[in-house]
Every structure is written in structure tokens, then in C-alpha cells.
Amino acid sequence: MMAAPMMMAFGQEDARRRVGSVKMGVPYTGGWEEFDKESKDAKITAITRYRYVITVESRNGAEDPSALVKRVAEAIATKFEGK
């Protein structure tokens, strides 16, 4: 049930933060991104194979670390292929 909202195309952005679903490059995987523009905190929560939950966070980054956090979550999700 948690996987459905993450696989929908939803997003919201304002001056302080950005939240929304993100397309992950791994089959059967959906993700949700949260990024705080002031503190540069980024978090991706991904569900892969409809049952494994992966959370990757970065805090106090110098730039927008969203791409890095997403790559790490995708790398972890690939470990579950075939399970």
C-alpha cells in the first residue's frame, strides 16, 4: 500500500522545500523525495519489489545532494533484484 503513492506523479515545491515522487531507475521501485532548501537536507524513501523500504538521507550539504542520494538509493535497490 505504501508503494502506490510513491509511484504516482506528485510534486510540490515552494521557497523552503521540495517534495514529491521520483522515478527510480530500477524495475519495481518507486521513490519519494524530500529536500529542504535552507538546510540542504535531502531524503529519498524508496520501496522496491513492493516490500523492501530503503531510506537514504544527506544532511547539511553544500549543494543540492538530491541526485547523489537518489543514486545511492538506486544502488541499494539493485541489490534486491531477483528476491
Protein backbone atom coordinates (compact mmCIF):
# COMPACT_ATOMS: atom_id res chain seq x y z
CA MET A 1 0.00 0.00 0.00
CA MET A 2 2.86 2.39 0.63
CA ALA A 3 4.22 1.83 -2.87
CA ALA A 4 1.21 3.29 -4.70
CA PRO A 5 1.64 6.97 -3.67
CA MET A 6 5.35 6.81 -4.43
CA MET A 7 4.70 5.65 -7.97
CA MET A 8 2.20 8.43 -8.70
CA ALA A 9 3.46 11.62 -10.32
CA PHE A 10 3.03 14.08 -7.44
CA GLY A 11 5.20 17.02 -6.54
CA GLN A 12 5.14 20.27 -4.61
CA GLU A 13 7.75 23.00 -4.32
CA ASP A 14 7.91 26.32 -2.51
CA ALA A 15 10.64 28.66 -1.27
CA ARG A 16 11.63 26.36 1.61
CA ARG A 17 11.27 22.81 0.39
CA ARG A 18 10.60 20.39 -2.44
CA VAL A 19 8.69 17.12 -2.02
CA GLY A 20 7.33 14.62 -4.48
CA SER A 21 7.57 11.27 -6.13
CA VAL A 22 10.69 10.48 -8.15
CA LYS A 23 11.21 7.94 -10.91
CA MET A 24 13.82 5.43 -9.89
CA GLY A 25 15.97 3.67 -12.48
CA VAL A 26 15.31 0.22 -11.03
CA PRO A 27 12.37 -2.03 -12.02
CA TYR A 28 9.53 -2.35 -9.48
CA THR A 29 10.85 0.60 -7.47
CA GLY A 30 9.16 3.87 -6.56
CA GLY A 31 10.58 6.76 -4.59
CA TRP A 32 9.62 9.82 -2.57
CA GLU A 33 11.96 12.82 -2.32
CA GLU A 34 12.13 15.49 0.36
CA PHE A 35 14.58 18.40 0.06
CA ASP A 36 14.91 21.33 2.49
CA LYS A 37 16.38 24.26 0.57
CA GLU A 38 17.56 26.16 3.66
CA SER A 39 19.43 23.38 5.48
CA LYS A 40 20.28 21.41 2.28
CA ASP A 41 18.91 18.22 3.85
CA ALA A 42 17.80 15.61 1.32
CA LYS A 43 15.95 12.36 1.88
CA ILE A 44 14.78 9.65 -0.51
CA THR A 45 12.49 6.86 0.64
CA ALA A 46 12.15 4.07 -1.90
CA ILE A 47 10.11 0.89 -1.97
CA THR A 48 11.48 -1.88 -4.17
CA ARG A 49 9.92 -5.21 -5.07
CA TYR A 50 6.75 -3.95 -3.29
CA ARG A 51 8.12 -4.90 0.13
CA TYR A 52 11.61 -3.55 0.87
CA VAL A 53 11.86 0.01 2.21
CA ILE A 54 15.08 1.95 1.62
CA THR A 55 15.75 5.36 3.19
CA VAL A 56 18.81 7.44 2.30
CA GLU A 57 19.49 10.85 3.89
CA SER A 58 22.05 13.61 3.45
CA ARG A 59 22.32 16.49 5.90
CA ASN A 60 23.90 19.95 5.65
CA GLY A 61 25.18 19.51 2.11
CA ALA A 62 26.96 22.37 0.35
CA GLU A 63 24.75 22.00 -2.73
CA ASP A 64 21.57 20.14 -3.64
CA PRO A 65 22.51 16.50 -2.82
CA SER A 66 19.28 15.03 -4.24
CA ALA A 67 20.96 13.40 -7.24
CA LEU A 68 23.60 11.75 -5.04
CA VAL A 69 21.00 10.47 -2.57
CA LYS A 70 18.91 9.08 -5.45
CA ARG A 71 21.93 7.27 -6.95
CA VAL A 72 22.73 5.66 -3.58
CA ALA A 73 19.11 4.52 -3.15
CA GLU A 74 19.11 3.07 -6.68
CA ALA A 75 22.39 1.23 -6.00
CA ILE A 76 20.91 -0.31 -2.86
CA ALA A 77 17.66 -1.23 -4.67
CA THR A 78 19.60 -3.15 -7.34
CA LYS A 79 20.85 -5.49 -4.59
CA PHE A 80 17.25 -6.75 -4.20
CA GLU A 81 16.78 -7.76 -7.86
CA GLY A 82 15.60 -11.34 -8.10
CA LYS A 83 14.40 -11.50 -4.50
